[in-house]
Amino acid sequence: MARLMDLKIADLQRELEERECDTAGKNAELQERLRKAPIEEGEDPDIFIFTGAGDIGLMLQNLSTKLENRLVENCENLEGKTKV
């Protein structure tokens, strides 16, 4: 766990990826992009503690959500193809 200013580029990219945000750019760009996340959650980005990719529970939750969304998409696509 770390504050925004303490995150390295790889950590910034992981945090952004977890939020499905663009991960390209230099350190300052990544920090600015990630700074918006706590604000949207009603938190102060200067004191917000990022859990980081080491938080396995959060990672599994994000993965589960992505897989569920893809499953729903695939089912809808299959239903659309079978209706005639």
PDB file of N, CA and C in Angstrom:
ATOM      1  N   MET A   1       0.848  -1.172   0.000  1.00  0.00           N
ATOM      2  CA  MET A   1       0.000   0.000   0.000  1.00  0.00           C
ATOM      3  C   MET A   1       0.896   1.239   0.000  1.00  0.00           C
ATOM      4  N   ALA A   2       0.485   2.235  -0.796  1.00  0.00           N
ATOM      5  CA  ALA A   2       1.298   3.435  -0.916  1.00  0.00           C
ATOM      6  C   ALA A   2       0.445   4.622  -1.352  1.00  0.00           C
ATOM      7  N   ARG A   3       0.996   5.794  -1.121  1.00  0.00           N
ATOM      8  CA  ARG A   3       0.336   7.002  -1.602  1.00  0.00           C
ATOM      9  C   ARG A   3       0.714   7.215  -3.065  1.00  0.00           C
ATOM     10  N   LEU A   4      -0.072   8.006  -3.747  1.00  0.00           N
ATOM     11  CA  LEU A   4       0.107   8.244  -5.180  1.00  0.00           C
ATOM     12  C   LEU A   4       1.536   8.653  -5.524  1.00  0.00           C
ATOM     13  N   MET A   5       2.086   9.589  -4.780  1.00  0.00           N
ATOM     14  CA  MET A   5       3.422  10.107  -5.092  1.00  0.00           C
ATOM     15  C   MET A   5       4.522   9.069  -4.889  1.00  0.00           C
ATOM     16  N   ASP A   6       4.222   8.000  -4.133  1.00  0.00           N
ATOM     17  CA  ASP A   6       5.220   6.973  -3.847  1.00  0.00           C
ATOM     18  C   ASP A   6       5.191   5.811  -4.839  1.00  0.00           C
ATOM     19  N   LEU A   7       4.187   5.782  -5.716  1.00  0.00           N
ATOM     20  CA  LEU A   7       4.054   4.676  -6.659  1.00  0.00           C
ATOM     21  C   LEU A   7       5.056   4.797  -7.803  1.00  0.00           C
ATOM     22  N   LYS A   8       5.642   3.679  -8.160  1.00  0.00           N
ATOM     23  CA  LYS A   8       6.543   3.627  -9.315  1.00  0.00           C
ATOM     24  C   LYS A   8       5.697   3.424 -10.569  1.00  0.00           C
ATOM     25  N   ILE A   9       6.320   3.573 -11.730  1.00  0.00           N
ATOM     26  CA  ILE A   9       5.584   3.499 -12.991  1.00  0.00           C
ATOM     27  C   ILE A   9       4.819   2.176 -13.112  1.00  0.00           C
ATOM     28  N   ALA A  10       5.449   1.066 -12.792  1.00  0.00           N
ATOM     29  CA  ALA A  10       4.775  -0.238 -12.894  1.00  0.00           C
ATOM     30  C   ALA A  10       3.550  -0.286 -11.980  1.00  0.00           C
ATOM     31  N   ASP A  11       3.675   0.299 -10.778  1.00  0.00           N
ATOM     32  CA  ASP A  11       2.541   0.328  -9.844  1.00  0.00           C
ATOM     33  C   ASP A  11       1.432   1.228 -10.368  1.00  0.00           C
ATOM     34  N   LEU A  12       1.811   2.375 -10.918  1.00  0.00           N
ATOM     35  CA  LEU A  12       0.821   3.290 -11.497  1.00  0.00           C
ATOM     36  C   LEU A  12       0.058   2.594 -12.622  1.00  0.00           C
ATOM     37  N   GLN A  13       0.791   1.893 -13.468  1.00  0.00           N
ATOM     38  CA  GLN A  13       0.166   1.201 -14.585  1.00  0.00           C
ATOM     39  C   GLN A  13      -0.779   0.107 -14.097  1.00  0.00           C
ATOM     40  N   ARG A  14      -0.384  -0.625 -13.055  1.00  0.00           N
ATOM     41  CA  ARG A  14      -1.256  -1.668 -12.505  1.00  0.00           C
ATOM     42  C   ARG A  14      -2.532  -1.066 -11.928  1.00  0.00           C
ATOM     43  N   GLU A  15      -2.379   0.028 -11.181  1.00  0.00           N
ATOM     44  CA  GLU A  15      -3.549   0.698 -10.598  1.00  0.00           C
ATOM     45  C   GLU A  15      -4.487   1.192 -11.702  1.00  0.00           C
ATOM     46  N   LEU A  16      -3.912   1.762 -12.755  1.00  0.00           N
ATOM     47  CA  LEU A  16      -4.730   2.249 -13.869  1.00  0.00           C
ATOM     48  C   LEU A  16      -5.404   1.091 -14.592  1.00  0.00           C
ATOM     49  N   GLU A  17      -4.672   0.009 -14.791  1.00  0.00           N
ATOM     50  CA  GLU A  17      -5.238  -1.155 -15.472  1.00  0.00           C
ATOM     51  C   GLU A  17      -6.416  -1.724 -14.674  1.00  0.00           C
ATOM     52  N   GLU A  18      -6.289  -1.771 -13.352  1.00  0.00           N
ATOM     53  CA  GLU A  18      -7.381  -2.261 -12.509  1.00  0.00           C
ATOM     54  C   GLU A  18      -8.638  -1.415 -12.683  1.00  0.00           C
ATOM     55  N   ARG A  19      -8.442  -0.141 -13.008  1.00  0.00           N
ATOM     56  CA  ARG A  19      -9.570   0.778 -13.186  1.00  0.00           C
ATOM     57  C   ARG A  19      -9.964   0.905 -14.662  1.00  0.00           C
ATOM     58  N   GLU A  20      -9.359   0.047 -15.487  1.00  0.00           N
ATOM     59  CA  GLU A  20      -9.608   0.024 -16.928  1.00  0.00           C
ATOM     60  C   GLU A  20      -9.345   1.387 -17.577  1.00  0.00           C
ATOM     61  N   CYS A  21      -8.220   2.011 -17.181  1.00  0.00           N
ATOM     62  CA  CYS A  21      -7.789   3.297 -17.735  1.00  0.00           C
ATOM     63  C   CYS A  21      -6.554   3.079 -18.597  1.00  0.00           C
ATOM     64  N   ASP A  22      -6.259   4.060 -19.444  1.00  0.00           N
ATOM     65  CA  ASP A  22      -5.083   4.017 -20.303  1.00  0.00           C
ATOM     66  C   ASP A  22      -3.828   3.940 -19.438  1.00  0.00           C
ATOM     67  N   THR A  23      -2.920   3.033 -19.775  1.00  0.00           N
ATOM     68  CA  THR A  23      -1.700   2.835 -18.989  1.00  0.00           C
ATOM     69  C   THR A  23      -0.453   3.380 -19.673  1.00  0.00           C
ATOM     70  N   ALA A  24      -0.631   4.053 -20.808  1.00  0.00           N
ATOM     71  CA  ALA A  24       0.513   4.584 -21.545  1.00  0.00           C
ATOM     72  C   ALA A  24       0.859   5.984 -21.052  1.00  0.00           C
ATOM     73  N   GLY A  25       2.143   6.304 -21.075  1.00  0.00           N
ATOM     74  CA  GLY A  25       2.571   7.651 -20.739  1.00  0.00           C
ATOM     75  C   GLY A  25       3.711   7.666 -19.741  1.00  0.00           C
ATOM     76  N   LYS A  26       4.168   8.877 -19.473  1.00  0.00           N
ATOM     77  CA  LYS A  26       5.252   9.081 -18.522  1.00  0.00           C
ATOM     78  C   LYS A  26       4.689   9.151 -17.111  1.00  0.00           C
ATOM     79  N   ASN A  27       5.594   9.104 -16.143  1.00  0.00           N
ATOM     80  CA  ASN A  27       5.218   9.089 -14.742  1.00  0.00           C
ATOM     81  C   ASN A  27       4.199  10.177 -14.390  1.00  0.00           C
ATOM     82  N   ALA A  28       4.455  11.410 -14.773  1.00  0.00           N
ATOM     83  CA  ALA A  28       3.560  12.527 -14.430  1.00  0.00           C
ATOM     84  C   ALA A  28       2.173  12.333 -15.047  1.00  0.00           C
ATOM     85  N   GLU A  29       2.135  11.829 -16.278  1.00  0.00           N
ATOM     86  CA  GLU A  29       0.848  11.591 -16.945  1.00  0.00           C
ATOM     87  C   GLU A  29       0.056  10.497 -16.231  1.00  0.00           C
ATOM     88  N   LEU A  30       0.754   9.434 -15.844  1.00  0.00           N
ATOM     89  CA  LEU A  30       0.100   8.327 -15.152  1.00  0.00           C
ATOM     90  C   LEU A  30      -0.429   8.779 -13.793  1.00  0.00           C
ATOM     91  N   GLN A  31       0.383   9.564 -13.079  1.00  0.00           N
ATOM     92  CA  GLN A  31      -0.050  10.073 -11.776  1.00  0.00           C
ATOM     93  C   GLN A  31      -1.285  10.954 -11.920  1.00  0.00           C
ATOM     94  N   GLU A  32      -1.290  11.814 -12.916  1.00  0.00           N
ATOM     95  CA  GLU A  32      -2.431  12.713 -13.116  1.00  0.00           C
ATOM     96  C   GLU A  32      -3.691  11.910 -13.450  1.00  0.00           C
ATOM     97  N   ARG A  33      -3.538  10.901 -14.282  1.00  0.00           N
ATOM     98  CA  ARG A  33      -4.674  10.056 -14.653  1.00  0.00           C
ATOM     99  C   ARG A  33      -5.195   9.300 -13.437  1.00  0.00           C
ATOM    100  N   LEU A  34      -4.267   8.775 -12.634  1.00  0.00           N
ATOM    101  CA  LEU A  34      -4.659   8.007 -11.462  1.00  0.00           C
ATOM    102  C   LEU A  34      -5.187   8.913 -10.344  1.00  0.00           C
ATOM    103  N   ARG A  35      -4.771  10.154 -10.325  1.00  0.00           N
ATOM    104  CA  ARG A  35      -5.224  11.120  -9.313  1.00  0.00           C
ATOM    105  C   ARG A  35      -6.749  11.284  -9.359  1.00  0.00           C
ATOM    106  N   LYS A  36      -7.330  11.109 -10.529  1.00  0.00           N
ATOM    107  CA  LYS A  36      -8.779  11.297 -10.700  1.00  0.00           C
ATOM    108  C   LYS A  36      -9.594  10.192 -10.032  1.00  0.00           C
ATOM    109  N   ALA A  37      -9.028   9.000  -9.908  1.00  0.00           N
ATOM    110  CA  ALA A  37      -9.769   7.856  -9.365  1.00  0.00           C
ATOM    111  C   ALA A  37     -10.271   8.101  -7.935  1.00  0.00           C
ATOM    112  N   PRO A  38      -9.412   8.505  -6.997  1.00  0.00           N
ATOM    113  CA  PRO A  38      -9.916   8.739  -5.637  1.00  0.00           C
ATOM    114  C   PRO A  38     -10.927   9.888  -5.579  1.00  0.00           C
ATOM    115  N   ILE A  39     -10.743  10.892  -6.411  1.00  0.00           N
ATOM    116  CA  ILE A  39     -11.678  12.015  -6.432  1.00  0.00           C
ATOM    117  C   ILE A  39     -13.067  11.514  -6.804  1.00  0.00           C
ATOM    118  N   GLU A  40     -13.125  10.646  -7.821  1.00  0.00           N
ATOM    119  CA  GLU A  40     -14.405  10.076  -8.244  1.00  0.00           C
ATOM    120  C   GLU A  40     -15.029   9.207  -7.152  1.00  0.00           C
ATOM    121  N   GLU A  41     -14.182   8.680  -6.257  1.00  0.00           N
ATOM    122  CA  GLU A  41     -14.657   7.860  -5.154  1.00  0.00           C
ATOM    123  C   GLU A  41     -14.914   8.703  -3.902  1.00  0.00           C
ATOM    124  N   GLY A  42     -14.769  10.032  -4.023  1.00  0.00           N
ATOM    125  CA  GLY A  42     -15.011  10.930  -2.904  1.00  0.00           C
ATOM    126  C   GLY A  42     -13.857  11.013  -1.918  1.00  0.00           C
ATOM    127  N   GLU A  43     -12.664  10.659  -2.352  1.00  0.00           N
ATOM    128  CA  GLU A  43     -11.486  10.667  -1.485  1.00  0.00           C
ATOM    129  C   GLU A  43     -10.508  11.764  -1.907  1.00  0.00           C
ATOM    130  N   ASP A  44      -9.622  12.130  -1.014  1.00  0.00           N
ATOM    131  CA  ASP A  44      -8.566  13.107  -1.299  1.00  0.00           C
ATOM    132  C   ASP A  44      -7.382  12.353  -1.893  1.00  0.00           C
ATOM    133  N   PRO A  45      -7.002  12.630  -3.148  1.00  0.00           N
ATOM    134  CA  PRO A  45      -5.919  11.869  -3.785  1.00  0.00           C
ATOM    135  C   PRO A  45      -4.560  12.052  -3.121  1.00  0.00           C
ATOM    136  N   ASP A  46      -4.388  13.138  -2.361  1.00  0.00           N
ATOM    137  CA  ASP A  46      -3.097  13.374  -1.714  1.00  0.00           C
ATOM    138  C   ASP A  46      -2.890  12.510  -0.470  1.00  0.00           C
ATOM    139  N   ILE A  47      -3.966  11.980   0.091  1.00  0.00           N
ATOM    140  CA  ILE A  47      -3.829  11.130   1.280  1.00  0.00           C
ATOM    141  C   ILE A  47      -4.379   9.724   1.050  1.00  0.00           C
ATOM    142  N   PHE A  48      -4.985   9.492  -0.125  1.00  0.00           N
ATOM    143  CA  PHE A  48      -5.549   8.176  -0.454  1.00  0.00           C
ATOM    144  C   PHE A  48      -4.431   7.138  -0.505  1.00  0.00           C
ATOM    145  N   ILE A  49      -4.663   5.978   0.087  1.00  0.00           N
ATOM    146  CA  ILE A  49      -3.687   4.884   0.061  1.00  0.00           C
ATOM    147  C   ILE A  49      -4.134   3.869  -0.990  1.00  0.00           C
ATOM    148  N   PHE A  50      -3.293   3.684  -1.991  1.00  0.00           N
ATOM    149  CA  PHE A  50      -3.574   2.717  -3.052  1.00  0.00           C
ATOM    150  C   PHE A  50      -3.166   1.338  -2.568  1.00  0.00           C
ATOM    151  N   THR A  51      -4.020   0.368  -2.815  1.00  0.00           N
ATOM    152  CA  THR A  51      -3.753  -0.980  -2.325  1.00  0.00           C
ATOM    153  C   THR A  51      -2.715  -1.688  -3.170  1.00  0.00           C
ATOM    154  N   GLY A  52      -2.611  -1.323  -4.422  1.00  0.00           N
ATOM    155  CA  GLY A  52      -1.623  -1.935  -5.302  1.00  0.00           C
ATOM    156  C   GLY A  52      -2.051  -3.290  -5.801  1.00  0.00           C
ATOM    157  N   ALA A  53      -1.295  -3.802  -6.737  1.00  0.00           N
ATOM    158  CA  ALA A  53      -1.619  -5.083  -7.349  1.00  0.00           C
ATOM    159  C   ALA A  53      -1.392  -6.238  -6.389  1.00  0.00           C
ATOM    160  N   GLY A  54      -0.752  -5.969  -5.254  1.00  0.00           N
ATOM    161  CA  GLY A  54      -0.516  -7.007  -4.273  1.00  0.00           C
ATOM    162  C   GLY A  54      -1.786  -7.411  -3.545  1.00  0.00           C
ATOM    163  N   ASP A  55      -2.842  -6.642  -3.690  1.00  0.00           N
ATOM    164  CA  ASP A  55      -4.097  -6.967  -3.029  1.00  0.00           C
ATOM    165  C   ASP A  55      -4.816  -8.021  -3.857  1.00  0.00           C
ATOM    166  N   ILE A  56      -4.605  -9.265  -3.531  1.00  0.00           N
ATOM    167  CA  ILE A  56      -5.125 -10.379  -4.322  1.00  0.00           C
ATOM    168  C   ILE A  56      -6.644 -10.393  -4.356  1.00  0.00           C
ATOM    169  N   GLY A  57      -7.272  -9.977  -3.280  1.00  0.00           N
ATOM    170  CA  GLY A  57      -8.734  -9.949  -3.249  1.00  0.00           C
ATOM    171  C   GLY A  57      -9.292  -9.005  -4.294  1.00  0.00           C
ATOM    172  N   LEU A  58      -8.717  -7.822  -4.389  1.00  0.00           N
ATOM    173  CA  LEU A  58      -9.160  -6.842  -5.375  1.00  0.00           C
ATOM    174  C   LEU A  58      -8.895  -7.349  -6.788  1.00  0.00           C
ATOM    175  N   MET A  59      -7.744  -7.964  -6.983  1.00  0.00           N
ATOM    176  CA  MET A  59      -7.413  -8.494  -8.298  1.00  0.00           C
ATOM    177  C   MET A  59      -8.422  -9.571  -8.717  1.00  0.00           C
ATOM    178  N   LEU A  60      -8.739 -10.463  -7.789  1.00  0.00           N
ATOM    179  CA  LEU A  60      -9.687 -11.527  -8.104  1.00  0.00           C
ATOM    180  C   LEU A  60     -11.081 -10.974  -8.369  1.00  0.00           C
ATOM    181  N   GLN A  61     -11.468  -9.967  -7.615  1.00  0.00           N
ATOM    182  CA  GLN A  61     -12.777  -9.350  -7.827  1.00  0.00           C
ATOM    183  C   GLN A  61     -12.838  -8.716  -9.213  1.00  0.00           C
ATOM    184  N   ASN A  62     -11.786  -7.992  -9.602  1.00  0.00           N
ATOM    185  CA  ASN A  62     -11.756  -7.361 -10.921  1.00  0.00           C
ATOM    186  C   ASN A  62     -11.787  -8.406 -12.029  1.00  0.00           C
ATOM    187  N   LEU A  63     -11.029  -9.463 -11.858  1.00  0.00           N
ATOM    188  CA  LEU A  63     -10.995 -10.528 -12.850  1.00  0.00           C
ATOM    189  C   LEU A  63     -12.359 -11.206 -12.959  1.00  0.00           C
ATOM    190  N   SER A  64     -12.971 -11.459 -11.825  1.00  0.00           N
ATOM    191  CA  SER A  64     -14.288 -12.081 -11.813  1.00  0.00           C
ATOM    192  C   SER A  64     -15.313 -11.215 -12.545  1.00  0.00           C
ATOM    193  N   THR A  65     -15.267  -9.919 -12.308  1.00  0.00           N
ATOM    194  CA  THR A  65     -16.199  -8.993 -12.961  1.00  0.00           C
ATOM    195  C   THR A  65     -15.975  -8.993 -14.468  1.00  0.00           C
ATOM    196  N   LYS A  66     -14.711  -8.944 -14.890  1.00  0.00           N
ATOM    197  CA  LYS A  66     -14.414  -8.953 -16.319  1.00  0.00           C
ATOM    198  C   LYS A  66     -14.896 -10.240 -16.977  1.00  0.00           C
ATOM    199  N   LEU A  67     -14.643 -11.377 -16.315  1.00  0.00           N
ATOM    200  CA  LEU A  67     -15.072 -12.656 -16.871  1.00  0.00           C
ATOM    201  C   LEU A  67     -16.592 -12.743 -16.946  1.00  0.00           C
ATOM    202  N   GLU A  68     -17.259 -12.266 -15.918  1.00  0.00           N
ATOM    203  CA  GLU A  68     -18.718 -12.283 -15.921  1.00  0.00           C
ATOM    204  C   GLU A  68     -19.272 -11.424 -17.056  1.00  0.00           C
ATOM    205  N   ASN A  69     -18.680 -10.244 -17.260  1.00  0.00           N
ATOM    206  CA  ASN A  69     -19.120  -9.361 -18.349  1.00  0.00           C
ATOM    207  C   ASN A  69     -18.925 -10.022 -19.708  1.00  0.00           C
ATOM    208  N   ARG A  70     -17.811 -10.690 -19.891  1.00  0.00           N
ATOM    209  CA  ARG A  70     -17.558 -11.373 -21.165  1.00  0.00           C
ATOM    210  C   ARG A  70     -18.518 -12.532 -21.368  1.00  0.00           C
ATOM    211  N   LEU A  71     -18.815 -13.256 -20.311  1.00  0.00           N
ATOM    212  CA  LEU A  71     -19.765 -14.362 -20.404  1.00  0.00           C
ATOM    213  C   LEU A  71     -21.145 -13.861 -20.814  1.00  0.00           C
ATOM    214  N   VAL A  72     -21.579 -12.772 -20.211  1.00  0.00           N
ATOM    215  CA  VAL A  72     -22.876 -12.187 -20.557  1.00  0.00           C
ATOM    216  C   VAL A  72     -22.876 -11.746 -22.020  1.00  0.00           C
ATOM    217  N   GLU A  73     -21.798 -11.085 -22.454  1.00  0.00           N
ATOM    218  CA  GLU A  73     -21.680 -10.646 -23.854  1.00  0.00           C
ATOM    219  C   GLU A  73     -21.772 -11.842 -24.798  1.00  0.00           C
ATOM    220  N   ASN A  74     -21.022 -12.890 -24.489  1.00  0.00           N
ATOM    221  CA  ASN A  74     -21.016 -14.077 -25.346  1.00  0.00           C
ATOM    222  C   ASN A  74     -22.390 -14.729 -25.405  1.00  0.00           C
ATOM    223  N   CYS A  75     -23.065 -14.810 -24.269  1.00  0.00           N
ATOM    224  CA  CYS A  75     -24.413 -15.390 -24.249  1.00  0.00           C
ATOM    225  C   CYS A  75     -25.371 -14.549 -25.092  1.00  0.00           C
ATOM    226  N   GLU A  76     -25.279 -13.240 -24.971  1.00  0.00           N
ATOM    227  CA  GLU A  76     -26.142 -12.362 -25.760  1.00  0.00           C
ATOM    228  C   GLU A  76     -25.853 -12.516 -27.249  1.00  0.00           C
ATOM    229  N   ASN A  77     -24.579 -12.637 -27.597  1.00  0.00           N
ATOM    230  CA  ASN A  77     -24.211 -12.840 -29.005  1.00  0.00           C
ATOM    231  C   ASN A  77     -24.757 -14.162 -29.537  1.00  0.00           C
ATOM    232  N   LEU A  78     -24.653 -15.207 -28.736  1.00  0.00           N
ATOM    233  CA  LEU A  78     -25.165 -16.505 -29.146  1.00  0.00           C
ATOM    234  C   LEU A  78     -26.681 -16.485 -29.280  1.00  0.00           C
ATOM    235  N   GLU A  79     -27.350 -15.838 -28.362  1.00  0.00           N
ATOM    236  CA  GLU A  79     -28.813 -15.736 -28.435  1.00  0.00           C
ATOM    237  C   GLU A  79     -29.234 -14.987 -29.703  1.00  0.00           C
ATOM    238  N   GLY A  80     -28.499 -13.939 -30.034  1.00  0.00           N
ATOM    239  CA  GLY A  80     -28.797 -13.160 -31.233  1.00  0.00           C
ATOM    240  C   GLY A  80     -28.608 -13.975 -32.501  1.00  0.00           C
ATOM    241  N   LYS A  81     -27.641 -14.871 -32.514  1.00  0.00           N
ATOM    242  CA  LYS A  81     -27.358 -15.701 -33.686  1.00  0.00           C
ATOM    243  C   LYS A  81     -28.369 -16.824 -33.844  1.00  0.00           C
ATOM    244  N   THR A  82     -28.918 -17.308 -32.732  1.00  0.00           N
ATOM    245  CA  THR A  82     -29.829 -18.434 -32.806  1.00  0.00           C
ATOM    246  C   THR A  82     -31.271 -18.006 -33.053  1.00  0.00           C
ATOM    247  N   LYS A  83     -31.601 -16.749 -32.843  1.00  0.00           N
ATOM    248  CA  LYS A  83     -32.952 -16.251 -33.104  1.00  0.00           C
ATOM    249  C   LYS A  83     -33.118 -15.974 -34.582  1.00  0.00           C
ATOM    250  N   VAL A  84     -34.095 -16.613 -35.182  1.00  0.00           N
ATOM    251  CA  VAL A  84     -34.364 -16.401 -36.606  1.00  0.00           C
ATOM    252  C   VAL A  84     -35.833 -16.312 -36.823  1.00  0.00           C
TER     253      VAL A  84
END
